[in-house]
């Protein structure tokens, strides 16, 4: 991966001038490459990682495993694109293993997430089964430890 993209993943708030110094490149070159990555849809957006426990949000998050019957012409893509359009869906992945899709959803209550699964997701043509798992606590999000991640703690190993 381009070292510029690696730096942007970890330090998206750095200015192009700072990134240029870190990469030993002219600032104009860094700005040009960032713009090109944005135009080419390599960079799709910039987001902060929020510790929900520290802010006053009442979001309920869940992970849903979904089995689907692939379509003759579109395989998994058509139904996955349809599911991705729901407002409750924050992430969606095609998976190997026992389930076909892995969906991350958010709602304002357990009832809202359950209604999404029962009324919107499970009723879609091609969906054969779902398994919903509610997230109780976040320890690490997008590579960022939520609490006390600065200290190295060695795991105990027993013989």
N, C-alpha and C. Protein backbone atom coordinates (compact mmCIF):
# COMPACT_ATOMS: atom_id res chain seq x y z
N UNK A 1 0.85 -1.18 0.00
CA UNK A 1 0.00 0.00 0.00
C UNK A 1 0.90 1.24 0.00
N UNK A 2 0.42 2.25 -0.65
CA UNK A 2 1.13 3.53 -0.70
C UNK A 2 1.35 4.05 0.72
N UNK A 3 2.57 4.44 1.08
CA UNK A 3 2.84 4.98 2.42
C UNK A 3 1.95 6.19 2.75
N UNK A 4 1.57 6.97 1.76
CA UNK A 4 0.67 8.10 2.01
C UNK A 4 -0.68 7.61 2.51
N UNK A 5 -1.22 6.57 1.90
CA UNK A 5 -2.50 6.02 2.35
C UNK A 5 -2.38 5.45 3.76
N UNK A 6 -1.25 4.81 4.06
CA UNK A 6 -1.05 4.27 5.41
C UNK A 6 -1.04 5.39 6.44
N UNK A 7 -0.37 6.48 6.13
CA UNK A 7 -0.34 7.62 7.06
C UNK A 7 -1.73 8.24 7.22
N UNK A 8 -2.46 8.36 6.13
CA UNK A 8 -3.80 8.94 6.21
C UNK A 8 -4.74 8.07 7.04
N UNK A 9 -4.57 6.75 6.97
CA UNK A 9 -5.39 5.86 7.79
C UNK A 9 -5.17 6.12 9.28
N UNK A 10 -3.93 6.39 9.66
CA UNK A 10 -3.60 6.59 11.07
C UNK A 10 -3.67 8.04 11.50
N UNK A 11 -3.46 8.97 10.56
CA UNK A 11 -3.34 10.39 10.91
C UNK A 11 -4.12 11.25 9.93
N UNK A 12 -5.40 11.01 9.77
CA UNK A 12 -6.20 11.72 8.77
C UNK A 12 -6.29 13.22 9.05
N UNK A 13 -6.06 13.65 10.28
CA UNK A 13 -6.15 15.08 10.60
C UNK A 13 -4.85 15.84 10.31
N UNK A 14 -3.79 15.14 9.99
CA UNK A 14 -2.52 15.81 9.67
C UNK A 14 -2.69 16.66 8.41
N UNK A 15 -2.03 17.77 8.39
CA UNK A 15 -2.08 18.63 7.21
C UNK A 15 -1.23 18.02 6.10
N UNK A 16 -1.50 18.37 4.85
CA UNK A 16 -0.64 17.90 3.76
C UNK A 16 0.83 18.27 3.98
N UNK A 17 1.08 19.42 4.59
CA UNK A 17 2.47 19.83 4.86
C UNK A 17 3.13 18.86 5.84
N UNK A 18 2.41 18.46 6.90
CA UNK A 18 2.94 17.49 7.86
C UNK A 18 3.19 16.14 7.19
N UNK A 19 2.23 15.70 6.39
CA UNK A 19 2.38 14.42 5.69
C UNK A 19 3.57 14.47 4.73
N UNK A 20 3.74 15.61 4.07
CA UNK A 20 4.86 15.76 3.13
C UNK A 20 6.20 15.64 3.86
N UNK A 21 6.28 16.24 5.05
CA UNK A 21 7.52 16.13 5.84
C UNK A 21 7.78 14.68 6.24
N UNK A 22 6.73 14.00 6.66
CA UNK A 22 6.86 12.62 7.11
C UNK A 22 7.30 11.70 5.96
N UNK A 23 6.91 12.04 4.74
CA UNK A 23 7.22 11.21 3.57
C UNK A 23 8.39 11.74 2.75
N UNK A 24 8.91 12.89 3.18
CA UNK A 24 10.01 13.52 2.45
C UNK A 24 9.62 13.80 0.99
N UNK A 25 8.43 14.39 0.83
CA UNK A 25 7.89 14.74 -0.49
C UNK A 25 7.49 16.21 -0.50
N UNK A 26 7.40 16.83 -1.66
CA UNK A 26 6.89 18.20 -1.73
C UNK A 26 5.41 18.23 -1.34
N UNK A 27 5.01 19.29 -0.66
CA UNK A 27 3.62 19.42 -0.21
C UNK A 27 2.65 19.37 -1.39
N UNK A 28 2.99 20.01 -2.47
CA UNK A 28 2.12 20.02 -3.65
C UNK A 28 1.89 18.60 -4.18
N UNK A 29 2.91 17.75 -4.10
CA UNK A 29 2.78 16.36 -4.56
C UNK A 29 1.81 15.60 -3.66
N UNK A 30 1.91 15.80 -2.36
CA UNK A 30 1.01 15.14 -1.41
C UNK A 30 -0.43 15.61 -1.66
N UNK A 31 -0.63 16.91 -1.81
CA UNK A 31 -1.97 17.44 -2.07
C UNK A 31 -2.54 16.87 -3.37
N UNK A 32 -1.70 16.77 -4.41
CA UNK A 32 -2.15 16.25 -5.70
C UNK A 32 -2.57 14.78 -5.56
N UNK A 33 -1.76 14.00 -4.85
CA UNK A 33 -2.06 12.57 -4.69
C UNK A 33 -3.32 12.35 -3.86
N UNK A 34 -3.50 13.14 -2.80
CA UNK A 34 -4.72 13.02 -1.99
C UNK A 34 -5.94 13.34 -2.84
N UNK A 35 -5.88 14.42 -3.60
CA UNK A 35 -7.00 14.79 -4.48
C UNK A 35 -7.28 13.69 -5.48
N UNK A 36 -6.24 13.11 -6.07
CA UNK A 36 -6.40 12.02 -7.04
C UNK A 36 -7.04 10.80 -6.39
N UNK A 37 -6.59 10.46 -5.18
CA UNK A 37 -7.20 9.34 -4.46
C UNK A 37 -8.68 9.60 -4.16
N UNK A 38 -9.02 10.82 -3.82
CA UNK A 38 -10.42 11.15 -3.57
C UNK A 38 -11.22 11.09 -4.86
N UNK A 39 -10.68 11.64 -5.96
CA UNK A 39 -11.37 11.61 -7.25
C UNK A 39 -11.57 10.18 -7.76
N UNK A 40 -10.58 9.31 -7.52
CA UNK A 40 -10.64 7.92 -7.97
C UNK A 40 -11.44 7.02 -7.03
N UNK A 41 -11.98 7.59 -5.95
CA UNK A 41 -12.77 6.86 -4.95
C UNK A 41 -11.94 5.82 -4.21
N UNK A 42 -10.61 6.04 -4.13
CA UNK A 42 -9.76 5.21 -3.27
C UNK A 42 -10.00 5.65 -1.84
N UNK A 43 -10.01 6.96 -1.60
CA UNK A 43 -10.39 7.54 -0.31
C UNK A 43 -11.86 7.91 -0.42
N UNK A 44 -12.69 7.27 0.41
CA UNK A 44 -14.13 7.48 0.34
C UNK A 44 -14.64 8.44 1.40
N UNK A 45 -13.84 8.71 2.43
CA UNK A 45 -14.27 9.62 3.47
C UNK A 45 -13.29 9.60 4.63
N UNK A 46 -13.53 10.51 5.56
CA UNK A 46 -12.70 10.60 6.77
C UNK A 46 -13.67 10.57 7.94
N UNK A 47 -13.36 9.72 8.94
CA UNK A 47 -14.25 9.55 10.08
C UNK A 47 -13.48 9.51 11.38
N UNK A 48 -14.05 10.09 12.40
CA UNK A 48 -13.49 9.98 13.75
C UNK A 48 -14.00 8.70 14.40
N UNK A 49 -13.18 8.08 15.23
CA UNK A 49 -13.60 6.92 16.01
C UNK A 49 -14.09 7.46 17.35
N UNK A 50 -15.37 7.25 17.64
CA UNK A 50 -16.01 7.81 18.84
C UNK A 50 -16.19 6.71 19.88
N UNK A 51 -15.82 7.00 21.11
CA UNK A 51 -16.06 6.10 22.23
C UNK A 51 -17.48 6.36 22.73
N UNK A 52 -18.42 5.49 22.34
CA UNK A 52 -19.83 5.68 22.69
C UNK A 52 -20.06 5.73 24.20
N UNK A 53 -19.19 5.08 24.98
CA UNK A 53 -19.35 5.08 26.43
C UNK A 53 -19.07 6.46 27.04
N UNK A 54 -18.35 7.32 26.31
CA UNK A 54 -17.97 8.64 26.82
C UNK A 54 -18.92 9.74 26.38
N UNK A 55 -19.80 9.46 25.45
CA UNK A 55 -20.77 10.45 24.97
C UNK A 55 -22.17 9.94 25.25
N UNK A 56 -23.12 10.85 25.21
CA UNK A 56 -24.49 10.52 25.58
C UNK A 56 -25.27 10.01 24.36
N UNK A 57 -24.93 8.79 23.91
CA UNK A 57 -25.69 8.18 22.83
C UNK A 57 -26.37 6.94 23.38
N UNK A 58 -27.54 6.70 22.91
CA UNK A 58 -28.27 5.50 23.33
C UNK A 58 -28.36 4.52 22.17
N UNK A 59 -27.32 4.45 21.37
CA UNK A 59 -27.35 3.56 20.21
C UNK A 59 -27.19 2.11 20.64
N UNK A 60 -27.96 1.27 20.02
CA UNK A 60 -27.84 -0.17 20.18
C UNK A 60 -27.20 -0.67 18.90
N UNK A 61 -26.10 -1.41 19.05
CA UNK A 61 -25.38 -1.93 17.89
C UNK A 61 -25.51 -3.45 17.87
N UNK A 62 -25.63 -3.97 16.66
CA UNK A 62 -25.74 -5.42 16.52
C UNK A 62 -25.00 -5.87 15.27
N UNK A 63 -24.61 -7.14 15.29
CA UNK A 63 -24.02 -7.79 14.14
C UNK A 63 -25.01 -8.88 13.72
N UNK A 64 -25.31 -8.92 12.45
CA UNK A 64 -26.28 -9.90 11.94
C UNK A 64 -25.61 -10.76 10.88
N UNK A 65 -25.64 -12.05 11.10
CA UNK A 65 -25.18 -13.00 10.10
C UNK A 65 -26.39 -13.39 9.26
N UNK A 66 -26.21 -13.40 7.95
CA UNK A 66 -27.33 -13.65 7.05
C UNK A 66 -26.96 -14.72 6.03
N UNK A 67 -27.85 -15.71 5.88
CA UNK A 67 -27.72 -16.68 4.80
C UNK A 67 -28.67 -16.24 3.70
N UNK A 68 -28.18 -16.23 2.47
CA UNK A 68 -29.04 -15.86 1.36
C UNK A 68 -28.91 -16.88 0.24
N UNK A 69 -29.95 -16.93 -0.57
CA UNK A 69 -29.94 -17.76 -1.77
C UNK A 69 -29.41 -16.90 -2.90
N UNK A 70 -28.21 -17.19 -3.42
CA UNK A 70 -27.67 -16.36 -4.49
C UNK A 70 -28.54 -16.42 -5.73
N UNK A 71 -28.59 -15.31 -6.45
CA UNK A 71 -29.41 -15.23 -7.66
C UNK A 71 -28.62 -15.73 -8.86
N UNK A 72 -29.32 -16.23 -9.84
CA UNK A 72 -28.69 -16.81 -11.02
C UNK A 72 -27.81 -15.79 -11.74
N UNK A 73 -28.26 -14.61 -11.97
CA UNK A 73 -27.50 -13.61 -12.72
C UNK A 73 -26.62 -12.73 -11.83
N UNK A 74 -27.11 -12.37 -10.66
CA UNK A 74 -26.41 -11.40 -9.83
C UNK A 74 -25.64 -11.96 -8.66
N UNK A 75 -25.73 -13.28 -8.43
CA UNK A 75 -25.04 -13.86 -7.28
C UNK A 75 -25.52 -13.22 -5.99
N UNK A 76 -24.57 -12.74 -5.18
CA UNK A 76 -24.89 -12.12 -3.89
C UNK A 76 -25.04 -10.59 -4.02
N UNK A 77 -24.52 -10.04 -5.11
CA UNK A 77 -24.40 -8.58 -5.22
C UNK A 77 -25.72 -7.83 -5.17
N UNK A 78 -26.73 -8.28 -5.90
CA UNK A 78 -27.98 -7.52 -5.97
C UNK A 78 -28.65 -7.41 -4.61
N UNK A 79 -28.74 -8.53 -3.89
CA UNK A 79 -29.39 -8.47 -2.58
C UNK A 79 -28.52 -7.71 -1.57
N UNK A 80 -27.19 -7.83 -1.67
CA UNK A 80 -26.31 -7.10 -0.76
C UNK A 80 -26.46 -5.60 -0.98
N UNK A 81 -26.53 -5.17 -2.22
CA UNK A 81 -26.71 -3.74 -2.51
C UNK A 81 -28.06 -3.24 -2.00
N UNK A 82 -29.06 -4.08 -2.07
CA UNK A 82 -30.38 -3.71 -1.54
C UNK A 82 -30.34 -3.55 -0.02
N UNK A 83 -29.69 -4.48 0.66
CA UNK A 83 -29.57 -4.42 2.12
C UNK A 83 -28.76 -3.19 2.53
N UNK A 84 -27.70 -2.87 1.78
CA UNK A 84 -26.83 -1.74 2.12
C UNK A 84 -27.56 -0.41 2.11
N UNK A 85 -28.66 -0.32 1.41
CA UNK A 85 -29.41 0.94 1.33
C UNK A 85 -30.23 1.26 2.58
N UNK A 86 -30.45 0.28 3.45
CA UNK A 86 -31.20 0.55 4.67
C UNK A 86 -30.41 1.47 5.59
N UNK A 87 -31.08 2.45 6.17
CA UNK A 87 -30.43 3.41 7.06
C UNK A 87 -29.80 2.75 8.27
N UNK A 88 -30.37 1.68 8.75
CA UNK A 88 -29.86 1.01 9.95
C UNK A 88 -28.51 0.34 9.71
N UNK A 89 -28.19 0.02 8.47
CA UNK A 89 -26.97 -0.71 8.13
C UNK A 89 -25.78 0.24 8.08
N UNK A 90 -24.76 -0.05 8.89
CA UNK A 90 -23.55 0.78 8.89
C UNK A 90 -22.41 0.13 8.12
N UNK A 91 -22.37 -1.20 8.08
CA UNK A 91 -21.35 -1.93 7.31
C UNK A 91 -21.95 -3.24 6.84
N UNK A 92 -21.42 -3.73 5.72
CA UNK A 92 -21.94 -4.97 5.14
C UNK A 92 -20.81 -5.66 4.40
N UNK A 93 -20.63 -6.96 4.68
CA UNK A 93 -19.53 -7.73 4.10
C UNK A 93 -20.03 -9.06 3.56
N UNK A 94 -19.48 -9.49 2.43
CA UNK A 94 -19.66 -10.85 1.94
C UNK A 94 -18.64 -11.71 2.66
N UNK A 95 -19.06 -12.85 3.20
CA UNK A 95 -18.21 -13.66 4.05
C UNK A 95 -18.09 -15.09 3.52
N UNK A 96 -17.05 -15.76 3.94
CA UNK A 96 -16.96 -17.20 3.73
C UNK A 96 -17.46 -17.86 5.01
N UNK A 97 -17.75 -19.14 4.94
CA UNK A 97 -18.18 -19.85 6.14
C UNK A 97 -19.66 -20.16 6.13
N UNK A 98 -20.21 -20.29 7.31
CA UNK A 98 -21.60 -20.72 7.47
C UNK A 98 -22.64 -19.70 7.04
N UNK A 99 -22.30 -18.44 7.04
CA UNK A 99 -23.22 -17.38 6.63
C UNK A 99 -22.61 -16.65 5.44
N UNK A 100 -23.45 -16.01 4.67
CA UNK A 100 -22.99 -15.33 3.46
C UNK A 100 -22.66 -13.86 3.68
N UNK A 101 -23.47 -13.18 4.47
CA UNK A 101 -23.29 -11.75 4.70
C UNK A 101 -23.12 -11.48 6.18
N UNK A 102 -22.31 -10.48 6.50
CA UNK A 102 -22.16 -9.99 7.86
C UNK A 102 -22.56 -8.53 7.84
N UNK A 103 -23.57 -8.19 8.63
CA UNK A 103 -24.15 -6.84 8.61
C UNK A 103 -23.99 -6.21 9.98
N UNK A 104 -23.49 -4.99 10.03
CA UNK A 104 -23.44 -4.21 11.26
C UNK A 104 -24.57 -3.20 11.18
N UNK A 105 -25.39 -3.15 12.24
CA UNK A 105 -26.53 -2.23 12.26
C UNK A 105 -26.54 -1.43 13.56
N UNK A 106 -27.23 -0.29 13.51
CA UNK A 106 -27.44 0.55 14.69
C UNK A 106 -28.90 0.95 14.76
N UNK A 107 -29.38 1.06 15.99
CA UNK A 107 -30.74 1.52 16.23
C UNK A 107 -30.79 2.24 17.56
N UNK A 108 -31.92 2.84 17.85
CA UNK A 108 -32.06 3.59 19.11
C UNK A 108 -32.59 2.72 20.24
N UNK A 109 -32.94 1.46 19.93
CA UNK A 109 -33.41 0.55 20.96
C UNK A 109 -33.28 -0.88 20.45
N UNK A 110 -33.35 -1.84 21.38
CA UNK A 110 -33.37 -3.25 21.00
C UNK A 110 -34.57 -3.53 20.10
N UNK A 111 -35.69 -2.92 20.43
CA UNK A 111 -36.91 -3.11 19.66
C UNK A 111 -36.73 -2.65 18.22
N UNK A 112 -36.07 -1.50 18.03
CA UNK A 112 -35.88 -0.97 16.69
C UNK A 112 -35.00 -1.91 15.85
N UNK A 113 -33.92 -2.42 16.44
CA UNK A 113 -33.05 -3.36 15.73
C UNK A 113 -33.82 -4.65 15.43
N UNK A 114 -34.58 -5.15 16.41
CA UNK A 114 -35.36 -6.37 16.21
C UNK A 114 -36.39 -6.18 15.11
N UNK A 115 -37.03 -5.01 15.07
CA UNK A 115 -38.01 -4.72 14.02
C UNK A 115 -37.34 -4.66 12.65
N UNK A 116 -36.14 -4.09 12.60
CA UNK A 116 -35.41 -4.06 11.33
C UNK A 116 -35.20 -5.48 10.82
N UNK A 117 -34.74 -6.37 11.71
CA UNK A 117 -34.48 -7.75 11.30
C UNK A 117 -35.78 -8.44 10.88
N UNK A 118 -36.81 -8.32 11.70
CA UNK A 118 -38.06 -9.04 11.45
C UNK A 118 -38.85 -8.49 10.26
N UNK A 119 -38.88 -7.16 10.12
CA UNK A 119 -39.76 -6.56 9.12
C UNK A 119 -39.07 -6.19 7.81
N UNK A 120 -37.79 -5.87 7.88
CA UNK A 120 -37.10 -5.44 6.66
C UNK A 120 -36.15 -6.49 6.11
N UNK A 121 -35.30 -7.04 6.97
CA UNK A 121 -34.25 -7.94 6.51
C UNK A 121 -34.77 -9.35 6.22
N UNK A 122 -35.42 -9.96 7.20
CA UNK A 122 -35.85 -11.35 7.06
C UNK A 122 -36.91 -11.53 5.99
N UNK A 123 -37.63 -10.47 5.65
CA UNK A 123 -38.70 -10.57 4.66
C UNK A 123 -38.20 -10.39 3.23
N UNK A 124 -36.93 -10.04 3.05
CA UNK A 124 -36.39 -9.86 1.70
C UNK A 124 -36.35 -11.21 0.97
N UNK A 125 -36.73 -11.18 -0.29
CA UNK A 125 -36.64 -12.39 -1.10
C UNK A 125 -35.18 -12.80 -1.22
N UNK A 126 -34.91 -14.05 -0.95
CA UNK A 126 -33.54 -14.56 -1.01
C UNK A 126 -32.89 -14.74 0.34
N UNK A 127 -33.40 -14.06 1.38
CA UNK A 127 -32.86 -14.25 2.73
C UNK A 127 -33.45 -15.52 3.30
N UNK A 128 -32.58 -16.47 3.66
CA UNK A 128 -33.08 -17.75 4.17
C UNK A 128 -32.97 -17.87 5.69
N UNK A 129 -32.01 -17.16 6.32
CA UNK A 129 -31.93 -17.17 7.78
C UNK A 129 -31.03 -16.04 8.26
N UNK A 130 -31.23 -15.67 9.53
CA UNK A 130 -30.42 -14.63 10.16
C UNK A 130 -30.05 -15.07 11.57
N UNK A 131 -28.95 -14.52 12.07
CA UNK A 131 -28.54 -14.70 13.47
C UNK A 131 -28.06 -13.33 13.95
N UNK A 132 -28.73 -12.79 14.95
CA UNK A 132 -28.44 -11.44 15.43
C UNK A 132 -27.68 -11.51 16.75
N UNK A 133 -26.61 -10.73 16.85
CA UNK A 133 -25.78 -10.66 18.05
C UNK A 133 -25.69 -9.19 18.46
N UNK A 134 -26.13 -8.87 19.67
CA UNK A 134 -26.07 -7.50 20.16
C UNK A 134 -24.72 -7.23 20.80
N UNK A 135 -24.14 -6.09 20.48
CA UNK A 135 -22.84 -5.70 21.05
C UNK A 135 -23.08 -5.10 22.43
N UNK A 136 -22.36 -5.62 23.42
CA UNK A 136 -22.54 -5.18 24.79
C UNK A 136 -21.51 -4.14 25.22
N UNK A 137 -20.29 -4.29 24.75
CA UNK A 137 -19.23 -3.36 25.12
C UNK A 137 -18.18 -3.38 24.02
N UNK A 138 -17.62 -2.22 23.71
CA UNK A 138 -16.58 -2.11 22.69
C UNK A 138 -15.23 -1.96 23.37
N UNK A 139 -14.30 -2.84 23.04
CA UNK A 139 -12.94 -2.76 23.56
C UNK A 139 -11.99 -2.14 22.54
N UNK A 140 -12.26 -2.39 21.28
CA UNK A 140 -11.40 -1.87 20.22
C UNK A 140 -12.27 -1.62 18.99
N UNK A 141 -12.10 -0.45 18.38
CA UNK A 141 -12.89 -0.07 17.21
C UNK A 141 -11.95 0.47 16.14
N UNK A 142 -11.99 -0.12 14.97
CA UNK A 142 -11.18 0.31 13.83
C UNK A 142 -9.70 0.50 14.20
N UNK A 143 -9.18 -0.43 14.99
CA UNK A 143 -7.78 -0.40 15.37
C UNK A 143 -7.46 0.48 16.55
N UNK A 144 -8.47 1.10 17.16
CA UNK A 144 -8.25 2.02 18.29
C UNK A 144 -8.81 1.39 19.56
N UNK A 145 -7.94 1.26 20.60
CA UNK A 145 -8.40 0.76 21.89
C UNK A 145 -9.25 1.83 22.56
N UNK A 146 -10.36 1.43 23.15
CA UNK A 146 -11.30 2.38 23.75
C UNK A 146 -10.80 2.94 25.08
N UNK A 147 -10.08 2.15 25.87
CA UNK A 147 -9.61 2.62 27.17
C UNK A 147 -8.22 2.07 27.46
N UNK A 148 -7.37 2.89 28.02
CA UNK A 148 -6.10 2.44 28.55
C UNK A 148 -5.23 1.66 27.59
N UNK A 149 -5.26 2.01 26.33
CA UNK A 149 -4.52 1.26 25.35
C UNK A 149 -3.06 1.63 25.24
N UNK A 150 -2.61 2.60 26.00
CA UNK A 150 -1.24 3.07 25.85
C UNK A 150 -0.21 2.12 26.45
N UNK A 151 -0.57 1.42 27.50
CA UNK A 151 0.38 0.57 28.18
C UNK A 151 0.40 -0.83 27.56
N UNK A 152 1.60 -1.40 27.46
CA UNK A 152 1.74 -2.75 26.95
C UNK A 152 1.55 -3.72 28.10
N UNK A 153 0.61 -4.63 27.91
CA UNK A 153 0.39 -5.65 28.93
C UNK A 153 0.67 -7.01 28.31
N UNK A 154 1.64 -7.70 28.84
CA UNK A 154 2.01 -9.00 28.30
C UNK A 154 0.99 -10.02 28.78
N UNK A 155 0.52 -10.84 27.84
CA UNK A 155 -0.42 -11.90 28.20
C UNK A 155 0.29 -13.02 28.91
N UNK A 156 -0.35 -13.60 29.92
CA UNK A 156 0.22 -14.70 30.66
C UNK A 156 0.16 -15.96 29.83
N UNK A 157 1.24 -16.71 29.84
CA UNK A 157 1.28 -17.99 29.12
C UNK A 157 1.55 -19.07 30.14
N UNK A 158 0.73 -20.11 30.11
CA UNK A 158 0.96 -21.21 31.04
C UNK A 158 1.52 -22.41 30.29
N UNK A 159 2.36 -23.21 30.96
CA UNK A 159 2.99 -24.36 30.30
C UNK A 159 2.01 -25.45 29.96
